[in-house]
Amino acid sequence: MGKQAVQQDPEAPKTGLPVSKETTDMARVSSEATNGSWFTPIRLLVTFCLINFINFVHRGAVASNGVNGNPKICTPSGQCTPGSGIQ
C-alpha cells in the first residue's frame, strides 16, 4: 500500500530506472530554453562581419568623396565655381 506506481513517459530514455513525468517535463523545458536562442555562434559571427563590412564600405565612400571632389575655383575676374565633395 505504501508504493505508488510511477508512469513511464514514452519519450523518456530507456535507462531501466523509473522516471516520473514531472522530471521529464522539467528536462524538456530546460532543453527548450537553451536551444531556442537565436544567438548561435555562426549567426553572431555573420552579423558582426556584415556590420564590419558596412562600416568599411562607408568609410571608403566618405574618403573617396573627399579625394575625388573638386575644389572651389575662382577666375581672375572674380567669378567662382563652387567645389564638390567634402570641402
N, C-alpha and C. Protein backbone atom coordinates (compact mmCIF):
# COMPACT_ATOMS: atom_id res chain seq x y z
N MET A 1 0.80 -1.19 0.00
CA MET A 1 0.00 0.00 0.00
C MET A 1 0.86 1.27 0.00
N GLY A 2 2.11 1.21 0.43
CA GLY A 2 2.94 2.39 0.51
C GLY A 2 3.61 2.76 -0.80
N LYS A 3 3.60 1.86 -1.80
CA LYS A 3 4.25 2.17 -3.07
C LYS A 3 3.27 2.78 -4.05
N GLN A 4 3.73 3.79 -4.77
CA GLN A 4 2.92 4.38 -5.83
C GLN A 4 3.54 3.98 -7.17
N ALA A 5 2.70 3.78 -8.12
CA ALA A 5 3.20 3.42 -9.45
C ALA A 5 3.67 4.69 -10.16
N VAL A 6 4.86 4.60 -10.73
CA VAL A 6 5.41 5.73 -11.48
C VAL A 6 5.12 5.48 -12.95
N GLN A 7 4.51 6.47 -13.59
CA GLN A 7 4.17 6.32 -15.00
C GLN A 7 5.42 6.57 -15.85
N GLN A 8 5.62 5.74 -16.82
CA GLN A 8 6.76 5.90 -17.72
C GLN A 8 6.35 6.79 -18.90
N ASP A 9 7.19 7.75 -19.19
CA ASP A 9 6.96 8.61 -20.35
C ASP A 9 7.49 7.89 -21.59
N PRO A 10 6.69 7.78 -22.64
CA PRO A 10 7.16 7.07 -23.83
C PRO A 10 8.35 7.73 -24.51
N GLU A 11 8.55 9.06 -24.30
CA GLU A 11 9.68 9.76 -24.92
C GLU A 11 10.92 9.73 -24.05
N ALA A 12 10.81 9.22 -22.83
CA ALA A 12 11.94 9.20 -21.91
C ALA A 12 12.95 8.16 -22.37
N PRO A 13 14.24 8.41 -22.11
CA PRO A 13 15.24 7.40 -22.47
C PRO A 13 15.06 6.14 -21.63
N LYS A 14 15.37 5.01 -22.22
CA LYS A 14 15.20 3.73 -21.54
C LYS A 14 16.44 3.44 -20.72
N THR A 15 16.41 3.80 -19.44
CA THR A 15 17.55 3.56 -18.56
C THR A 15 17.30 2.41 -17.62
N GLY A 16 16.09 1.94 -17.52
CA GLY A 16 15.77 0.88 -16.59
C GLY A 16 15.32 1.42 -15.24
N LEU A 17 15.53 2.70 -15.00
CA LEU A 17 15.11 3.31 -13.75
C LEU A 17 13.78 4.01 -13.96
N PRO A 18 12.92 3.99 -12.95
CA PRO A 18 11.65 4.68 -13.10
C PRO A 18 11.86 6.20 -13.09
N VAL A 19 11.26 6.88 -14.06
CA VAL A 19 11.37 8.33 -14.17
C VAL A 19 9.96 8.89 -14.19
N SER A 20 9.73 9.88 -13.34
CA SER A 20 8.38 10.45 -13.27
C SER A 20 8.15 11.40 -14.44
N LYS A 21 6.91 11.67 -14.74
CA LYS A 21 6.53 12.57 -15.82
C LYS A 21 6.99 13.99 -15.52
N GLU A 22 6.96 14.38 -14.25
CA GLU A 22 7.39 15.73 -13.88
C GLU A 22 8.87 15.94 -14.19
N THR A 23 9.67 14.90 -13.95
CA THR A 23 11.10 15.02 -14.22
C THR A 23 11.37 15.19 -15.71
N THR A 24 10.70 14.41 -16.53
CA THR A 24 10.92 14.54 -17.97
C THR A 24 10.38 15.86 -18.50
N ASP A 25 9.28 16.35 -17.92
CA ASP A 25 8.76 17.65 -18.34
C ASP A 25 9.74 18.77 -18.01
N MET A 26 10.35 18.71 -16.81
CA MET A 26 11.31 19.74 -16.42
C MET A 26 12.54 19.69 -17.33
N ALA A 27 12.99 18.49 -17.68
CA ALA A 27 14.15 18.36 -18.56
C ALA A 27 13.83 18.90 -19.95
N ARG A 28 12.64 18.65 -20.44
CA ARG A 28 12.25 19.12 -21.77
C ARG A 28 12.19 20.65 -21.79
N VAL A 29 11.61 21.25 -20.76
CA VAL A 29 11.52 22.72 -20.70
C VAL A 29 12.91 23.32 -20.60
N SER A 30 13.79 22.69 -19.84
CA SER A 30 15.15 23.20 -19.69
C SER A 30 15.89 23.15 -21.01
N SER A 31 15.76 22.05 -21.75
CA SER A 31 16.48 21.96 -23.02
C SER A 31 15.89 22.89 -24.07
N GLU A 32 14.59 23.15 -24.06
CA GLU A 32 13.99 24.08 -25.00
C GLU A 32 14.46 25.51 -24.74
N ALA A 33 14.68 25.85 -23.47
CA ALA A 33 15.13 27.20 -23.14
C ALA A 33 16.55 27.44 -23.64
N THR A 34 17.41 26.44 -23.58
CA THR A 34 18.79 26.65 -24.01
C THR A 34 18.93 26.52 -25.52
N ASN A 35 18.11 25.72 -26.17
CA ASN A 35 18.24 25.52 -27.60
C ASN A 35 17.45 26.52 -28.42
N GLY A 36 16.58 27.31 -27.81
CA GLY A 36 15.72 28.21 -28.55
C GLY A 36 16.32 29.57 -28.82
N SER A 37 17.56 29.82 -28.46
CA SER A 37 18.15 31.14 -28.63
C SER A 37 18.50 31.40 -30.09
N TRP A 38 18.29 32.61 -30.55
CA TRP A 38 18.62 33.00 -31.91
C TRP A 38 20.13 33.22 -32.05
N PHE A 39 20.79 33.58 -30.95
CA PHE A 39 22.20 33.97 -30.99
C PHE A 39 23.12 32.76 -30.96
N THR A 40 23.24 32.09 -32.09
CA THR A 40 24.20 31.00 -32.20
C THR A 40 25.55 31.60 -32.59
N PRO A 41 26.64 30.89 -32.36
CA PRO A 41 27.95 31.45 -32.71
C PRO A 41 28.10 31.83 -34.18
N ILE A 42 27.55 31.02 -35.07
CA ILE A 42 27.66 31.32 -36.52
C ILE A 42 26.86 32.57 -36.86
N ARG A 43 25.66 32.70 -36.32
CA ARG A 43 24.83 33.89 -36.62
C ARG A 43 25.48 35.15 -36.08
N LEU A 44 26.07 35.08 -34.89
CA LEU A 44 26.76 36.25 -34.35
C LEU A 44 27.97 36.61 -35.21
N LEU A 45 28.72 35.62 -35.65
CA LEU A 45 29.88 35.88 -36.49
C LEU A 45 29.47 36.55 -37.80
N VAL A 46 28.42 36.04 -38.43
CA VAL A 46 27.94 36.62 -39.68
C VAL A 46 27.43 38.05 -39.45
N THR A 47 26.71 38.25 -38.37
CA THR A 47 26.19 39.59 -38.05
C THR A 47 27.33 40.59 -37.87
N PHE A 48 28.34 40.23 -37.08
CA PHE A 48 29.46 41.15 -36.85
C PHE A 48 30.27 41.38 -38.12
N CYS A 49 30.40 40.36 -38.96
CA CYS A 49 31.12 40.54 -40.23
C CYS A 49 30.38 41.50 -41.14
N LEU A 50 29.06 41.39 -41.21
CA LEU A 50 28.27 42.31 -42.04
C LEU A 50 28.38 43.74 -41.53
N ILE A 51 28.31 43.92 -40.22
CA ILE A 51 28.43 45.27 -39.65
C ILE A 51 29.81 45.85 -39.97
N ASN A 52 30.84 45.02 -39.83
CA ASN A 52 32.20 45.48 -40.13
C ASN A 52 32.35 45.83 -41.61
N PHE A 53 31.75 45.04 -42.49
CA PHE A 53 31.82 45.31 -43.93
C PHE A 53 31.11 46.62 -44.28
N ILE A 54 29.94 46.84 -43.71
CA ILE A 54 29.20 48.08 -43.97
C ILE A 54 30.00 49.28 -43.48
N ASN A 55 30.63 49.17 -42.32
CA ASN A 55 31.45 50.26 -41.79
C ASN A 55 32.65 50.52 -42.71
N PHE A 56 33.27 49.46 -43.21
CA PHE A 56 34.41 49.59 -44.12
C PHE A 56 34.03 50.29 -45.41
N VAL A 57 32.91 49.88 -46.01
CA VAL A 57 32.45 50.50 -47.26
C VAL A 57 32.08 51.96 -47.04
N HIS A 58 31.44 52.25 -45.91
CA HIS A 58 31.04 53.63 -45.63
C HIS A 58 32.27 54.52 -45.49
N ARG A 59 33.29 54.06 -44.79
CA ARG A 59 34.50 54.87 -44.65
C ARG A 59 35.17 55.11 -46.00
N GLY A 60 35.16 54.10 -46.86
CA GLY A 60 35.75 54.26 -48.19
C GLY A 60 34.98 55.25 -49.03
N ALA A 61 33.67 55.23 -48.91
CA ALA A 61 32.84 56.17 -49.70
C ALA A 61 33.09 57.60 -49.24
N VAL A 62 33.20 57.80 -47.93
CA VAL A 62 33.45 59.15 -47.42
C VAL A 62 34.84 59.62 -47.83
N ALA A 63 35.84 58.74 -47.73
CA ALA A 63 37.21 59.13 -48.07
C ALA A 63 37.35 59.41 -49.57
N SER A 64 36.73 58.61 -50.42
CA SER A 64 36.87 58.83 -51.85
C SER A 64 36.13 60.09 -52.28
N ASN A 65 35.08 60.45 -51.57
CA ASN A 65 34.37 61.69 -51.89
C ASN A 65 35.28 62.88 -51.65
N GLY A 66 36.07 62.83 -50.59
CA GLY A 66 36.99 63.93 -50.31
C GLY A 66 38.15 63.98 -51.30
N VAL A 67 38.61 62.84 -51.74
CA VAL A 67 39.74 62.79 -52.67
C VAL A 67 39.30 63.14 -54.08
N ASN A 68 38.15 62.63 -54.48
CA ASN A 68 37.70 62.83 -55.85
C ASN A 68 36.91 64.12 -56.07
N GLY A 69 36.67 64.87 -55.03
CA GLY A 69 35.93 66.12 -55.18
C GLY A 69 36.76 67.18 -55.89
N ASN A 70 36.12 68.28 -56.23
CA ASN A 70 36.79 69.39 -56.91
C ASN A 70 36.81 70.61 -55.98
N PRO A 71 37.94 71.29 -55.92
CA PRO A 71 37.99 72.49 -55.08
C PRO A 71 37.27 73.67 -55.74
N LYS A 72 37.00 74.66 -54.94
CA LYS A 72 36.38 75.89 -55.44
C LYS A 72 37.43 76.61 -56.31
N ILE A 73 37.00 77.02 -57.49
CA ILE A 73 37.92 77.67 -58.44
C ILE A 73 37.41 79.08 -58.72
N CYS A 74 38.31 80.02 -58.59
CA CYS A 74 37.96 81.42 -58.88
C CYS A 74 38.83 81.91 -60.06
N THR A 75 38.20 82.61 -60.96
CA THR A 75 38.91 83.19 -62.10
C THR A 75 39.45 84.56 -61.71
N PRO A 76 40.40 85.10 -62.47
CA PRO A 76 40.93 86.44 -62.15
C PRO A 76 39.86 87.54 -62.20
N SER A 77 38.76 87.29 -62.93
CA SER A 77 37.71 88.31 -62.99
C SER A 77 36.81 88.29 -61.76
N GLY A 78 37.01 87.28 -60.86
CA GLY A 78 36.23 87.24 -59.63
C GLY A 78 35.07 86.28 -59.67
N GLN A 79 34.89 85.55 -60.78
CA GLN A 79 33.80 84.60 -60.86
C GLN A 79 34.30 83.27 -60.29
N CYS A 80 33.54 82.73 -59.34
CA CYS A 80 33.94 81.48 -58.67
C CYS A 80 32.92 80.36 -58.94
N THR A 81 33.45 79.16 -59.10
CA THR A 81 32.57 77.99 -59.23
C THR A 81 32.65 77.20 -57.90
N PRO A 82 31.52 76.72 -57.44
CA PRO A 82 31.54 76.00 -56.16
C PRO A 82 32.28 74.67 -56.28
N GLY A 83 32.84 74.25 -55.19
CA GLY A 83 33.52 72.97 -55.15
C GLY A 83 32.54 71.83 -54.95
N SER A 84 33.02 70.63 -55.13
CA SER A 84 32.19 69.45 -54.88
C SER A 84 32.96 68.50 -53.96
N GLY A 85 32.24 67.59 -53.38
CA GLY A 85 32.85 66.66 -52.45
C GLY A 85 32.95 67.28 -51.07
N ILE A 86 33.74 66.67 -50.22
CA ILE A 86 33.90 67.18 -48.85
C ILE A 86 34.96 68.28 -48.88
N GLN A 87 34.58 69.45 -48.46
CA GLN A 87 35.49 70.59 -48.51
C GLN A 87 36.00 70.94 -47.13
